[in-house]
Amino acid sequence: MSNVLVPIANGSEDIEAITIIDVLRRGGVNVTVASVHDSKNITAANGCKIEADVLLPEVVGIQYDAIVLPGGMPGAEHLRDCELLIDILEKHDIQDALLCAICAAPALVFGTHGFVADKQATCYPGFEKGLIGAEYISDQPVVMDDNIITGQGPAAAMTFSLAVLGNLKGYEVAQEVADGLLC
């Protein structure tokens, strides 16, 4: 079974966080939702209350098949500024685990910390200057380059999540989930 870490923070984009978690779990992925704060309870960007499974320090040392970051403001800034999360991302990047981010997170987290250098990536329009060293792809809702998957924003959350699922479990599983969701 594939194991995925979904870090969340106060101000994470509601639709993106929930869609990522839901689609991956529907596809049979073991998803661990981890708060980067001192509390498991966060308030998403548009007011949804989300309770994480764990606090981020509880999963240090676990190797995941993918780490998937929702965007949203100021959630993406909290993820960007979490030194422990960046350390975990770096260790997973070395192991070629999937690193995935949507909305503001590709620019604020991946761009700031060098994960998209010399890669193609997308993000929420207006954040593209943060994709430091990357080729910004503006006309695709989801872009994959090597082990990096990026998505544009809330409207792309389903496509993004299905792309992550397809890379983890295969096209057939992603298609079954998509069919069940009437996508």
Protein backbone atom coordinates (compact mmCIF):
# COMPACT_ATOMS: atom_id res chain seq x y z
CA MET A 1 0.00 0.00 0.00
CA SER A 2 1.28 3.47 -0.87
CA ASN A 3 1.95 5.85 2.00
CA VAL A 4 1.50 9.60 1.57
CA LEU A 5 2.12 12.54 3.89
CA VAL A 6 -0.18 15.57 3.59
CA PRO A 7 1.11 18.44 5.74
CA ILE A 8 -1.48 21.08 6.62
CA ALA A 9 -1.40 24.45 8.35
CA ASN A 10 -3.69 27.24 9.40
CA GLY A 11 -4.73 28.87 6.16
CA SER A 12 -4.32 25.80 3.93
CA GLU A 13 -6.77 25.92 1.02
CA ASP A 14 -9.89 24.00 2.10
CA ILE A 15 -10.80 22.46 -1.27
CA GLU A 16 -7.25 21.41 -2.03
CA ALA A 17 -6.52 19.82 1.34
CA ILE A 18 -9.78 17.88 1.51
CA THR A 19 -9.70 16.83 -2.15
CA ILE A 20 -6.14 15.52 -1.90
CA ILE A 21 -6.91 13.53 1.25
CA ASP A 22 -10.25 12.21 -0.04
CA VAL A 23 -9.15 11.19 -3.55
CA LEU A 24 -6.02 9.42 -2.32
CA ARG A 25 -7.93 7.54 0.39
CA ARG A 26 -10.62 6.51 -2.13
CA GLY A 27 -7.78 5.07 -4.19
CA GLY A 28 -6.54 2.91 -1.33
CA VAL A 29 -3.60 5.09 -0.34
CA ASN A 30 -2.62 5.29 3.32
CA VAL A 31 -2.73 9.06 3.94
CA THR A 32 -1.23 10.64 7.05
CA VAL A 33 -2.38 14.22 7.61
CA ALA A 34 0.16 16.12 9.71
CA SER A 35 -0.20 19.58 11.24
CA VAL A 36 2.90 21.77 11.10
CA HIS A 37 1.63 23.62 14.19
CA ASP A 38 1.55 22.65 17.87
CA SER A 39 -2.07 21.53 17.54
CA LYS A 40 -3.71 18.87 15.37
CA ASN A 41 -6.60 21.28 14.75
CA ILE A 42 -6.23 23.85 12.02
CA THR A 43 -8.54 26.38 10.46
CA ALA A 44 -8.31 26.31 6.68
CA ALA A 45 -8.25 29.46 4.51
CA ASN A 46 -12.02 29.62 4.16
CA GLY A 47 -12.95 28.56 7.67
CA CYS A 48 -13.20 24.77 7.50
CA LYS A 49 -11.93 23.11 10.65
CA ILE A 50 -9.63 20.17 9.94
CA GLU A 51 -8.14 17.80 12.49
CA ALA A 52 -4.82 16.26 11.46
CA ASP A 53 -3.94 12.68 12.29
CA VAL A 54 -0.63 13.67 13.86
CA LEU A 55 1.74 16.54 14.52
CA LEU A 56 4.60 16.71 12.02
CA PRO A 57 7.35 15.79 14.55
CA GLU A 58 5.58 12.43 15.07
CA VAL A 59 6.38 11.30 11.51
CA VAL A 60 10.05 12.23 11.30
CA GLY A 61 11.98 9.24 10.07
CA ILE A 62 9.08 7.66 8.17
CA GLN A 63 9.70 7.20 4.45
CA TYR A 64 6.66 8.11 2.34
CA ASP A 65 6.01 7.37 -1.32
CA ALA A 66 4.82 10.96 -1.75
CA ILE A 67 4.44 14.23 0.12
CA VAL A 68 1.53 16.35 -1.12
CA LEU A 69 1.18 20.02 -0.17
CA PRO A 70 -2.07 21.97 -0.42
CA GLY A 71 -1.79 25.67 -1.16
CA GLY A 72 -3.81 28.52 0.28
CA MET A 73 -2.75 31.59 2.15
CA PRO A 74 -1.25 31.88 4.65
CA GLY A 75 -1.08 28.07 4.75
CA ALA A 76 1.60 27.84 2.07
CA GLU A 77 3.69 30.39 3.97
CA HIS A 78 3.43 28.28 7.12
CA LEU A 79 4.57 25.23 5.15
CA ARG A 80 7.43 27.22 3.58
CA ASP A 81 8.61 28.41 7.00
CA CYS A 82 8.48 24.99 8.70
CA GLU A 83 12.12 23.89 8.88
CA LEU A 84 11.17 20.35 9.85
CA LEU A 85 8.94 20.01 6.77
CA ILE A 86 11.70 21.29 4.49
CA ASP A 87 14.12 18.78 6.01
CA ILE A 88 11.60 15.97 5.39
CA LEU A 89 11.06 17.15 1.80
CA GLU A 90 14.81 17.21 1.16
CA LYS A 91 15.26 13.68 2.49
CA HIS A 92 12.39 12.42 0.34
CA ASP A 93 13.67 14.24 -2.75
CA ILE A 94 17.00 12.43 -2.41
CA GLN A 95 15.04 9.13 -2.40
CA ASP A 96 13.06 10.22 -5.52
CA ALA A 97 9.75 10.14 -3.67
CA LEU A 98 6.98 12.14 -5.35
CA LEU A 99 6.92 15.75 -4.17
CA CYS A 100 3.61 17.37 -5.05
CA ALA A 101 2.24 20.85 -4.45
CA ILE A 102 -0.68 22.91 -5.69
CA CYS A 103 -1.70 26.59 -5.78
CA ALA A 104 0.75 28.85 -3.94
CA ALA A 105 2.78 25.94 -2.51
CA PRO A 106 4.82 25.15 -5.66
CA ALA A 107 6.18 28.70 -5.65
CA LEU A 108 6.35 29.43 -1.94
CA VAL A 109 7.63 26.02 -0.78
CA PHE A 110 9.24 24.31 -3.77
CA GLY A 111 10.51 27.49 -5.43
CA THR A 112 11.90 29.03 -2.26
CA HIS A 113 13.74 25.85 -1.31
CA GLY A 114 15.04 24.83 -4.75
CA PHE A 115 12.91 21.77 -5.47
CA VAL A 116 11.78 23.02 -8.92
CA ALA A 117 15.11 24.35 -10.19
CA ASP A 118 15.63 23.19 -13.79
CA LYS A 119 12.13 21.71 -13.94
CA GLN A 120 8.80 22.62 -15.48
CA ALA A 121 6.15 23.62 -12.96
CA THR A 122 2.89 25.47 -12.54
CA CYS A 123 1.24 27.32 -9.68
CA TYR A 124 -1.54 29.77 -8.89
CA PRO A 125 -1.29 32.70 -11.35
CA GLY A 126 0.53 35.61 -9.76
CA PHE A 127 2.94 33.39 -7.79
CA GLU A 128 5.01 32.29 -10.80
CA LYS A 129 7.98 34.53 -9.89
CA GLY A 130 8.43 32.27 -6.87
CA LEU A 131 9.16 29.27 -9.11
CA ILE A 132 12.85 30.10 -8.88
CA GLY A 133 14.86 28.34 -11.58
CA ALA A 134 11.81 26.61 -13.07
CA GLU A 135 10.09 26.94 -16.42
CA TYR A 136 6.59 28.22 -15.62
CA ILE A 137 3.86 26.40 -17.53
CA SER A 138 0.75 28.59 -17.50
CA ASP A 139 -1.57 26.64 -19.79
CA GLN A 140 -1.69 23.29 -17.96
CA PRO A 141 -3.64 22.66 -14.73
CA VAL A 142 -1.15 19.96 -13.66
CA VAL A 143 2.52 19.62 -14.61
CA MET A 144 4.82 16.68 -13.86
CA ASP A 145 8.58 16.83 -14.27
CA ASP A 146 10.65 13.96 -12.89
CA ASN A 147 9.45 13.38 -9.30
CA ILE A 148 7.71 16.78 -8.99
CA ILE A 149 3.97 17.26 -9.61
CA THR A 150 2.52 20.79 -9.44
CA GLY A 151 -1.02 22.10 -9.85
CA GLN A 152 -2.54 25.51 -10.46
CA GLY A 153 -5.21 25.96 -7.81
CA PRO A 154 -8.59 25.00 -6.34
CA ALA A 155 -10.28 24.27 -9.68
CA ALA A 156 -7.46 21.86 -10.52
CA ALA A 157 -7.57 20.06 -7.16
CA MET A 158 -9.41 17.00 -8.51
CA THR A 159 -7.19 16.64 -11.60
CA PHE A 160 -4.09 17.19 -9.46
CA SER A 161 -5.16 14.61 -6.87
CA LEU A 162 -6.01 12.05 -9.56
CA ALA A 163 -2.59 12.64 -11.18
CA VAL A 164 -0.90 11.96 -7.84
CA LEU A 165 -3.05 8.83 -7.38
CA GLY A 166 -2.25 7.63 -10.90
CA ASN A 167 1.47 7.96 -10.26
CA LEU A 168 1.18 6.02 -7.02
CA LYS A 169 -1.33 3.29 -7.90
CA GLY A 170 -1.57 3.27 -11.69
CA TYR A 171 -3.91 4.61 -14.32
CA GLU A 172 -6.61 1.97 -13.75
CA VAL A 173 -7.03 2.84 -10.07
CA ALA A 174 -7.08 6.57 -10.82
CA GLN A 175 -9.68 5.97 -13.56
CA GLU A 176 -11.87 3.89 -11.21
CA VAL A 177 -11.79 6.67 -8.61
CA ALA A 178 -12.47 9.30 -11.29
CA ASP A 179 -15.42 7.29 -12.61
CA GLY A 180 -16.83 6.92 -9.10
CA LEU A 181 -16.57 10.69 -8.66
CA LEU A 182 -18.19 11.29 -12.09
CA CYS A 183 -15.04 13.02 -13.36
